[in-house]
């Protein structure tokens, strides 16, 4: 009888040990994390324009474009460059203090305007408005006469005076 008790205790011990040794339930794999696109696009260098896109105003005269450009100047440039382009918080654009020659030619000036102006919103004007504004500045600085033709294809040949 003693033998039976001993066998019975061994069997119970083995069952208990076997119960503890059962493999743990396998975990359910988690789905891969969802990638949410960032609201802020990555910063990339903006290409510097060297050509002017065709505009609806191509083939117009300086005077025609300058009349429209004066309104663009009043709306977008006066607060920094003064009501007569004499300068203020921004540099002078019209008159003896204007230093437009640093842009070499009209295309260089137009590129500068398109990529940096108006302050706080560069590139916010249409291609036509930038060309109209350029015509206004060229006429006001006596670079071109009102009856001279002006379109985007000839801007590189318009040298700005020193």
N, C-alpha and C. Protein backbone atom coordinates (compact mmCIF):
# COMPACT_ATOMS: atom_id res chain seq x y z
N UNK A 1 0.82 -1.16 0.00
CA UNK A 1 0.00 0.00 0.00
C UNK A 1 0.88 1.25 0.00
N UNK A 2 1.90 1.10 0.69
CA UNK A 2 2.83 2.20 0.72
C UNK A 2 3.39 2.44 -0.67
N UNK A 3 3.57 1.44 -1.37
CA UNK A 3 4.07 1.53 -2.73
C UNK A 3 3.06 2.23 -3.63
N UNK A 4 1.83 1.96 -3.45
CA UNK A 4 0.77 2.54 -4.26
C UNK A 4 0.70 4.04 -3.98
N UNK A 5 0.83 4.40 -2.71
CA UNK A 5 0.79 5.81 -2.36
C UNK A 5 1.95 6.54 -3.01
N UNK A 6 3.10 5.92 -3.00
CA UNK A 6 4.27 6.52 -3.58
C UNK A 6 4.11 6.69 -5.08
N UNK A 7 3.57 5.69 -5.74
CA UNK A 7 3.33 5.77 -7.18
C UNK A 7 2.30 6.85 -7.45
N UNK A 8 1.26 6.89 -6.65
CA UNK A 8 0.21 7.88 -6.82
C UNK A 8 0.76 9.29 -6.63
N UNK A 9 1.60 9.52 -5.67
CA UNK A 9 2.21 10.83 -5.43
C UNK A 9 3.10 11.19 -6.62
N UNK A 10 3.83 10.24 -7.15
CA UNK A 10 4.69 10.49 -8.30
C UNK A 10 3.88 10.86 -9.53
N UNK A 11 2.77 10.14 -9.73
CA UNK A 11 1.92 10.42 -10.88
C UNK A 11 1.34 11.83 -10.76
N UNK A 12 0.84 12.20 -9.58
CA UNK A 12 0.27 13.52 -9.36
C UNK A 12 1.35 14.59 -9.56
N UNK A 13 2.55 14.36 -9.05
CA UNK A 13 3.64 15.31 -9.21
C UNK A 13 3.99 15.47 -10.68
N UNK A 14 4.04 14.34 -11.41
CA UNK A 14 4.32 14.42 -12.84
C UNK A 14 3.23 15.19 -13.59
N UNK A 15 1.99 14.96 -13.20
CA UNK A 15 0.89 15.69 -13.85
C UNK A 15 0.99 17.19 -13.57
N UNK A 16 1.32 17.53 -12.34
CA UNK A 16 1.47 18.94 -12.00
C UNK A 16 2.63 19.56 -12.77
N UNK A 17 3.72 18.83 -12.84
CA UNK A 17 4.88 19.34 -13.56
C UNK A 17 4.55 19.45 -15.04
N UNK A 18 3.86 18.49 -15.59
CA UNK A 18 3.50 18.51 -17.00
C UNK A 18 2.55 19.66 -17.29
N UNK A 19 1.65 19.97 -16.36
CA UNK A 19 0.73 21.07 -16.55
C UNK A 19 1.44 22.42 -16.59
N UNK A 20 2.49 22.54 -15.81
CA UNK A 20 3.26 23.78 -15.81
C UNK A 20 4.13 23.89 -17.04
N UNK A 21 4.41 22.78 -17.65
CA UNK A 21 5.32 22.81 -18.79
C UNK A 21 4.59 22.94 -20.12
N UNK A 22 3.28 23.11 -20.10
CA UNK A 22 2.57 23.26 -21.37
C UNK A 22 2.99 24.57 -22.02
N UNK A 23 3.07 24.58 -23.32
CA UNK A 23 3.52 25.80 -23.98
C UNK A 23 2.53 26.94 -23.75
N UNK A 24 3.07 28.11 -23.64
CA UNK A 24 2.24 29.31 -23.45
C UNK A 24 1.47 29.57 -24.73
N UNK A 25 0.28 30.09 -24.59
CA UNK A 25 -0.48 30.38 -25.81
C UNK A 25 0.30 31.39 -26.66
N UNK A 26 0.22 31.18 -27.95
CA UNK A 26 0.94 32.08 -28.85
C UNK A 26 0.18 33.40 -28.94
N UNK A 27 0.96 34.49 -28.98
CA UNK A 27 0.36 35.82 -29.07
C UNK A 27 -0.10 36.06 -30.50
N UNK A 28 -1.19 36.75 -30.62
CA UNK A 28 -1.69 37.15 -31.94
C UNK A 28 -0.79 38.27 -32.45
N UNK A 29 -0.24 38.11 -33.64
CA UNK A 29 0.64 39.17 -34.14
C UNK A 29 -0.12 40.48 -34.33
N UNK A 30 0.55 41.57 -33.98
CA UNK A 30 -0.05 42.90 -34.14
C UNK A 30 0.05 43.32 -35.60
N UNK A 31 -0.95 44.06 -36.07
CA UNK A 31 -0.85 44.55 -37.45
C UNK A 31 0.27 45.58 -37.54
N UNK A 32 0.83 45.74 -38.72
CA UNK A 32 1.90 46.75 -38.86
C UNK A 32 1.35 48.13 -38.55
N UNK A 33 2.20 49.01 -38.03
CA UNK A 33 1.72 50.36 -37.69
C UNK A 33 1.27 51.10 -38.93
N UNK A 34 0.23 51.89 -38.73
CA UNK A 34 -0.30 52.70 -39.82
C UNK A 34 0.56 53.95 -39.93
N UNK A 35 1.02 54.23 -41.13
CA UNK A 35 1.82 55.42 -41.36
C UNK A 35 0.90 56.54 -41.78
N UNK A 36 0.89 57.60 -41.00
CA UNK A 36 0.07 58.77 -41.30
C UNK A 36 0.97 59.79 -41.97
N UNK A 37 0.60 60.24 -43.17
CA UNK A 37 1.46 61.24 -43.83
C UNK A 37 1.51 62.52 -43.01
N UNK A 38 2.65 63.11 -42.99
CA UNK A 38 2.85 64.35 -42.26
C UNK A 38 2.09 65.48 -42.94
N UNK A 39 1.56 66.39 -42.14
CA UNK A 39 0.85 67.55 -42.68
C UNK A 39 1.83 68.55 -43.28
N UNK A 40 3.09 68.45 -42.89
CA UNK A 40 4.08 69.38 -43.39
C UNK A 40 4.94 68.66 -44.42
N UNK A 41 4.94 69.13 -45.66
CA UNK A 41 5.76 68.47 -46.67
C UNK A 41 7.24 68.66 -46.37
N UNK A 42 8.06 67.72 -46.79
CA UNK A 42 9.49 67.88 -46.54
C UNK A 42 10.03 69.10 -47.27
N UNK A 43 11.01 69.75 -46.66
CA UNK A 43 11.59 70.93 -47.27
C UNK A 43 12.51 70.51 -48.40
N UNK A 44 12.30 71.14 -49.52
CA UNK A 44 13.17 70.90 -50.66
C UNK A 44 13.58 72.25 -51.23
N UNK A 45 14.69 72.26 -51.86
CA UNK A 45 15.16 73.50 -52.47
C UNK A 45 14.30 73.83 -53.68
N UNK A 46 13.86 75.05 -53.75
CA UNK A 46 13.06 75.48 -54.88
C UNK A 46 13.98 75.84 -56.04
N UNK A 47 13.64 75.39 -57.24
CA UNK A 47 14.48 75.75 -58.38
C UNK A 47 14.36 77.24 -58.66
N UNK A 48 15.45 77.83 -59.05
CA UNK A 48 15.46 79.24 -59.40
C UNK A 48 15.07 79.37 -60.87
N UNK A 49 14.01 80.12 -61.16
CA UNK A 49 13.58 80.24 -62.55
C UNK A 49 14.57 81.04 -63.37
N UNK A 50 14.71 80.65 -64.61
CA UNK A 50 15.56 81.41 -65.52
C UNK A 50 14.81 81.79 -66.78
N UNK A 51 13.66 81.19 -66.99
CA UNK A 51 12.86 81.52 -68.16
C UNK A 51 11.51 82.04 -67.68
N UNK A 52 10.91 82.85 -68.48
CA UNK A 52 9.61 83.42 -68.13
C UNK A 52 8.54 82.66 -68.88
N UNK A 53 7.51 82.19 -68.17
CA UNK A 53 6.44 81.49 -68.87
C UNK A 53 5.69 82.45 -69.79
N UNK A 54 5.17 81.93 -70.88
CA UNK A 54 4.39 82.81 -71.77
C UNK A 54 3.21 83.41 -71.02
N UNK A 55 2.87 84.62 -71.35
CA UNK A 55 1.75 85.28 -70.70
C UNK A 55 0.73 85.72 -71.73
N UNK A 56 -0.45 86.04 -71.25
CA UNK A 56 -1.51 86.54 -72.13
C UNK A 56 -1.18 87.95 -72.62
N UNK A 57 -0.27 88.61 -71.94
CA UNK A 57 0.05 89.99 -72.30
C UNK A 57 1.17 90.08 -73.32
N UNK A 58 1.68 88.96 -73.81
CA UNK A 58 2.75 88.99 -74.80
C UNK A 58 2.32 89.80 -76.01
N UNK A 59 3.24 90.61 -76.55
CA UNK A 59 2.94 91.44 -77.70
C UNK A 59 2.42 92.81 -77.36
N UNK A 60 2.26 93.10 -76.08
CA UNK A 60 1.77 94.42 -75.66
C UNK A 60 2.92 95.41 -75.60
N UNK A 61 2.57 96.68 -75.52
CA UNK A 61 3.59 97.71 -75.38
C UNK A 61 3.88 97.95 -73.90
N UNK A 62 5.00 98.58 -73.63
CA UNK A 62 5.39 98.92 -72.27
C UNK A 62 4.29 99.77 -71.62
N UNK A 63 3.80 100.75 -72.36
CA UNK A 63 2.77 101.63 -71.81
C UNK A 63 1.50 100.90 -71.41
N UNK A 64 1.06 99.98 -72.26
CA UNK A 64 -0.15 99.21 -71.94
C UNK A 64 0.05 98.39 -70.68
N UNK A 65 1.19 97.72 -70.60
CA UNK A 65 1.47 96.89 -69.44
C UNK A 65 1.73 97.72 -68.20
N UNK A 66 2.41 98.86 -68.37
CA UNK A 66 2.73 99.72 -67.23
C UNK A 66 1.48 100.29 -66.58
N UNK A 67 0.46 100.60 -67.38
CA UNK A 67 -0.80 101.10 -66.81
C UNK A 67 -1.40 100.07 -65.88
N UNK A 68 -1.35 98.82 -66.28
CA UNK A 68 -1.85 97.74 -65.42
C UNK A 68 -0.89 97.51 -64.25
N UNK A 69 0.40 97.63 -64.51
CA UNK A 69 1.41 97.42 -63.48
C UNK A 69 1.36 98.43 -62.36
N UNK A 70 0.89 99.64 -62.65
CA UNK A 70 0.78 100.65 -61.61
C UNK A 70 -0.22 100.20 -60.54
N UNK A 71 -1.30 99.58 -60.95
CA UNK A 71 -2.28 99.07 -59.99
C UNK A 71 -1.68 97.93 -59.17
N UNK A 72 -0.89 97.07 -59.80
CA UNK A 72 -0.23 95.98 -59.08
C UNK A 72 0.75 96.58 -58.07
N UNK A 73 1.50 97.59 -58.49
CA UNK A 73 2.45 98.26 -57.59
C UNK A 73 1.72 98.83 -56.37
N UNK A 74 0.62 99.54 -56.62
CA UNK A 74 -0.15 100.14 -55.52
C UNK A 74 -0.66 99.08 -54.56
N UNK A 75 -1.14 97.98 -55.09
CA UNK A 75 -1.72 96.91 -54.27
C UNK A 75 -0.66 96.10 -53.53
N UNK A 76 0.49 95.83 -54.16
CA UNK A 76 1.43 94.85 -53.60
C UNK A 76 2.77 95.39 -53.15
N UNK A 77 3.15 96.62 -53.55
CA UNK A 77 4.52 97.08 -53.31
C UNK A 77 4.63 98.34 -52.45
N UNK A 78 3.60 99.17 -52.46
CA UNK A 78 3.66 100.48 -51.81
C UNK A 78 4.01 100.40 -50.34
N UNK A 79 3.49 99.44 -49.62
CA UNK A 79 3.70 99.41 -48.17
C UNK A 79 5.18 99.28 -47.79
N UNK A 80 5.99 98.66 -48.64
CA UNK A 80 7.43 98.53 -48.35
C UNK A 80 8.30 99.47 -49.17
N UNK A 81 7.89 99.74 -50.41
CA UNK A 81 8.75 100.52 -51.31
C UNK A 81 8.31 101.97 -51.49
N UNK A 82 7.27 102.38 -50.77
CA UNK A 82 6.81 103.77 -50.82
C UNK A 82 5.84 104.01 -51.96
N UNK A 83 4.99 105.03 -51.82
CA UNK A 83 3.95 105.31 -52.80
C UNK A 83 4.49 105.74 -54.15
N UNK A 84 5.71 106.22 -54.19
CA UNK A 84 6.33 106.63 -55.45
C UNK A 84 7.54 105.74 -55.78
N UNK A 85 7.67 104.63 -55.06
CA UNK A 85 8.79 103.73 -55.28
C UNK A 85 10.10 104.25 -54.73
N UNK A 86 10.03 105.26 -53.86
CA UNK A 86 11.22 105.92 -53.34
C UNK A 86 11.92 105.13 -52.26
N UNK A 87 11.30 104.08 -51.78
CA UNK A 87 11.89 103.27 -50.71
C UNK A 87 11.19 103.51 -49.40
N UNK A 88 11.38 102.62 -48.50
CA UNK A 88 10.79 102.66 -47.16
C UNK A 88 11.48 101.54 -46.40
N UNK A 89 10.69 100.58 -45.92
CA UNK A 89 11.32 99.41 -45.31
C UNK A 89 11.97 98.54 -46.39
N UNK A 90 11.56 98.73 -47.63
CA UNK A 90 12.18 98.08 -48.78
C UNK A 90 12.99 99.09 -49.57
N UNK A 91 13.79 98.62 -50.48
CA UNK A 91 14.67 99.51 -51.25
C UNK A 91 13.88 100.36 -52.24
N UNK A 92 14.52 101.43 -52.70
CA UNK A 92 13.93 102.29 -53.73
C UNK A 92 13.87 101.51 -55.04
N UNK A 93 12.75 101.61 -55.74
CA UNK A 93 12.57 100.94 -57.02
C UNK A 93 12.46 101.92 -58.18
N UNK A 94 12.19 103.17 -57.86
CA UNK A 94 12.01 104.20 -58.89
C UNK A 94 12.84 105.42 -58.50
N UNK A 95 13.51 105.98 -59.48
CA UNK A 95 14.26 107.22 -59.24
C UNK A 95 15.76 106.99 -59.12
N UNK A 96 16.45 108.06 -58.72
CA UNK A 96 17.91 108.02 -58.70
C UNK A 96 18.46 107.07 -57.63
N UNK A 97 17.69 106.76 -56.62
CA UNK A 97 18.14 105.85 -55.57
C UNK A 97 17.93 104.37 -55.92
N UNK A 98 17.15 104.13 -56.95
CA UNK A 98 16.89 102.73 -57.35
C UNK A 98 18.18 102.14 -57.90
N UNK A 99 18.51 100.96 -57.45
CA UNK A 99 19.72 100.28 -57.90
C UNK A 99 19.36 99.01 -58.66
N UNK A 100 18.61 99.20 -59.72
CA UNK A 100 18.14 98.05 -60.49
C UNK A 100 19.26 97.37 -61.27
N UNK A 101 20.37 98.07 -61.51
CA UNK A 101 21.45 97.50 -62.31
C UNK A 101 22.08 96.27 -61.65
N UNK A 102 21.88 96.09 -60.37
CA UNK A 102 22.44 94.90 -59.72
C UNK A 102 21.80 93.62 -60.25
N UNK A 103 20.69 93.75 -60.95
CA UNK A 103 20.02 92.58 -61.55
C UNK A 103 20.45 92.38 -63.00
N UNK A 104 21.34 93.19 -63.52
CA UNK A 104 21.93 93.12 -64.85
C UNK A 104 20.94 93.43 -65.97
N UNK A 105 19.87 92.64 -66.05
CA UNK A 105 18.90 92.85 -67.13
C UNK A 105 17.49 92.67 -66.59
N UNK A 106 16.51 92.92 -67.45
CA UNK A 106 15.11 92.85 -67.02
C UNK A 106 14.71 91.44 -66.58
N UNK A 107 15.30 90.42 -67.19
CA UNK A 107 15.00 89.05 -66.78
C UNK A 107 15.48 88.79 -65.36
N UNK A 108 16.66 89.29 -65.01
CA UNK A 108 17.17 89.14 -63.64
C UNK A 108 16.29 89.83 -62.63
N UNK A 109 15.81 91.02 -62.97
CA UNK A 109 14.91 91.75 -62.08
C UNK A 109 13.59 91.00 -61.93
N UNK A 110 13.07 90.50 -63.04
CA UNK A 110 11.82 89.75 -62.97
C UNK A 110 11.98 88.49 -62.13
N UNK A 111 13.09 87.77 -62.29
CA UNK A 111 13.34 86.58 -61.46
C UNK A 111 13.36 86.94 -59.98
N UNK A 112 14.02 88.04 -59.65
CA UNK A 112 14.08 88.50 -58.25
C UNK A 112 12.68 88.79 -57.72
N UNK A 113 11.88 89.47 -58.52
CA UNK A 113 10.51 89.80 -58.09
C UNK A 113 9.69 88.53 -57.89
N UNK A 114 9.78 87.60 -58.86
CA UNK A 114 8.96 86.37 -58.78
C UNK A 114 9.36 85.49 -57.61
N UNK A 115 10.63 85.45 -57.24
CA UNK A 115 11.07 84.52 -56.20
C UNK A 115 11.09 85.11 -54.80
N UNK A 116 11.03 86.44 -54.69
CA UNK A 116 11.12 87.03 -53.34
C UNK A 116 10.02 88.04 -53.00
N UNK A 117 9.21 88.44 -53.96
CA UNK A 117 8.23 89.49 -53.71
C UNK A 117 6.82 89.03 -54.05
N UNK A 118 5.83 89.60 -53.42
CA UNK A 118 5.89 90.54 -52.31
C UNK A 118 6.39 89.85 -51.03
N UNK A 119 6.97 90.65 -50.15
CA UNK A 119 7.50 90.11 -48.90
C UNK A 119 6.40 89.36 -48.16
N UNK A 120 6.71 88.18 -47.73
CA UNK A 120 5.75 87.36 -47.00
C UNK A 120 4.89 86.48 -47.90
N UNK A 121 4.89 86.75 -49.19
CA UNK A 121 4.07 85.95 -50.12
C UNK A 121 4.73 85.89 -51.49
N UNK A 122 6.01 85.50 -51.56
CA UNK A 122 6.68 85.47 -52.86
C UNK A 122 5.98 84.53 -53.83
N UNK A 123 5.94 84.96 -55.09
CA UNK A 123 5.31 84.13 -56.12
C UNK A 123 3.80 84.17 -56.11
N UNK A 124 3.20 85.05 -55.31
CA UNK A 124 1.75 85.07 -55.18
C UNK A 124 1.03 85.84 -56.29
N UNK A 125 1.78 86.58 -57.09
CA UNK A 125 1.16 87.28 -58.21
C UNK A 125 1.17 86.37 -59.43
N UNK A 126 0.31 86.65 -60.38
CA UNK A 126 0.29 85.87 -61.62
C UNK A 126 1.47 86.28 -62.50
N UNK A 127 1.79 85.46 -63.48
CA UNK A 127 2.87 85.78 -64.42
C UNK A 127 2.59 87.11 -65.12
N UNK A 128 1.32 87.36 -65.46
CA UNK A 128 0.95 88.62 -66.10
C UNK A 128 1.19 89.80 -65.17
N UNK A 129 0.84 89.65 -63.89
CA UNK A 129 1.02 90.75 -62.94
C UNK A 129 2.50 91.07 -62.74
N UNK A 130 3.35 90.05 -62.68
CA UNK A 130 4.79 90.32 -62.55
C UNK A 130 5.31 91.05 -63.79
N UNK A 131 4.87 90.64 -64.97
CA UNK A 131 5.32 91.32 -66.19
C UNK A 131 4.79 92.75 -66.24
N UNK A 132 3.56 92.97 -65.81
CA UNK A 132 2.99 94.32 -65.76
C UNK A 132 3.77 95.19 -64.78
N UNK A 133 4.10 94.64 -63.64
CA UNK A 133 4.87 95.37 -62.65
C UNK A 133 6.26 95.70 -63.18
N UNK A 134 6.88 94.76 -63.87
CA UNK A 134 8.18 95.01 -64.48
C UNK A 134 8.09 96.15 -65.50
N UNK A 135 7.06 96.13 -66.34
CA UNK A 135 6.87 97.20 -67.33
C UNK A 135 6.72 98.55 -66.63
N UNK A 136 5.98 98.59 -65.55
CA UNK A 136 5.80 99.83 -64.79
C UNK A 136 7.15 100.35 -64.28
N UNK A 137 7.96 99.46 -63.70
CA UNK A 137 9.26 99.88 -63.18
C UNK A 137 10.20 100.32 -64.30
N UNK A 138 10.19 99.61 -65.42
CA UNK A 138 11.05 99.98 -66.55
C UNK A 138 10.66 101.34 -67.12
N UNK A 139 9.35 101.58 -67.23
CA UNK A 139 8.89 102.87 -67.76
C UNK A 139 9.20 104.00 -66.78
N UNK A 140 8.94 103.78 -65.50
CA UNK A 140 9.17 104.81 -64.49
C UNK A 140 10.64 105.18 -64.37
N UNK A 141 11.52 104.24 -64.67
CA UNK A 141 12.96 104.49 -64.60
C UNK A 141 13.57 104.83 -65.96
N UNK A 142 12.70 105.13 -66.93
CA UNK A 142 13.12 105.54 -68.28
C UNK A 142 14.03 104.53 -68.97
N UNK A 143 13.81 103.26 -68.69
CA UNK A 143 14.57 102.20 -69.36
C UNK A 143 13.95 101.94 -70.73
N UNK A 144 12.63 101.93 -70.79
CA UNK A 144 11.89 101.73 -72.05
C UNK A 144 10.82 102.80 -72.18
N UNK A 145 10.54 103.18 -73.40
CA UNK A 145 9.48 104.15 -73.67
C UNK A 145 8.14 103.42 -73.75
N UNK A 146 7.07 104.17 -73.57
CA UNK A 146 5.72 103.61 -73.53
C UNK A 146 5.35 102.85 -74.79
N UNK A 147 5.83 103.28 -75.95
CA UNK A 147 5.42 102.63 -77.20
C UNK A 147 6.31 101.44 -77.58
N UNK A 148 7.31 101.12 -76.76
CA UNK A 148 8.19 99.98 -77.05
C UNK A 148 7.44 98.67 -76.81
N UNK A 149 7.62 97.69 -77.69
CA UNK A 149 6.97 96.39 -77.45
C UNK A 149 7.67 95.69 -76.28
N UNK A 150 6.90 94.91 -75.53
CA UNK A 150 7.48 94.15 -74.41
C UNK A 150 6.78 92.82 -74.29
N UNK A 151 7.54 91.77 -74.37
CA UNK A 151 7.02 90.45 -74.03
C UNK A 151 8.12 89.67 -73.33
N UNK A 152 7.78 88.56 -72.79
CA UNK A 152 8.71 87.81 -71.94
C UNK A 152 9.92 87.26 -72.69
N UNK A 153 9.85 87.13 -74.00
CA UNK A 153 10.95 86.52 -74.73
C UNK A 153 12.17 87.43 -74.87
N UNK A 154 12.02 88.74 -74.75
CA UNK A 154 13.14 89.64 -74.96
C UNK A 154 13.71 90.27 -73.70
N UNK A 155 13.34 89.77 -72.55
CA UNK A 155 13.74 90.42 -71.30
C UNK A 155 15.25 90.36 -71.03
N UNK A 156 15.90 89.30 -71.45
CA UNK A 156 17.34 89.16 -71.18
C UNK A 156 18.15 90.22 -71.95
N UNK A 157 17.59 90.74 -73.03
CA UNK A 157 18.33 91.74 -73.81
C UNK A 157 18.10 93.17 -73.33
N UNK A 158 17.25 93.36 -72.35
CA UNK A 158 17.01 94.70 -71.80
C UNK A 158 17.96 94.93 -70.63
N UNK A 159 19.02 95.69 -70.90
CA UNK A 159 20.04 95.97 -69.89
C UNK A 159 19.56 97.09 -68.98
N UNK A 160 19.74 96.90 -67.69
CA UNK A 160 19.31 97.90 -66.72
C UNK A 160 20.44 98.90 -66.50
N UNK A 161 20.13 100.20 -66.48
CA UNK A 161 21.18 101.22 -66.37
C UNK A 161 21.81 101.25 -64.98
N UNK A 162 23.07 101.73 -64.96
CA UNK A 162 23.79 101.86 -63.68
C UNK A 162 23.50 103.20 -63.05
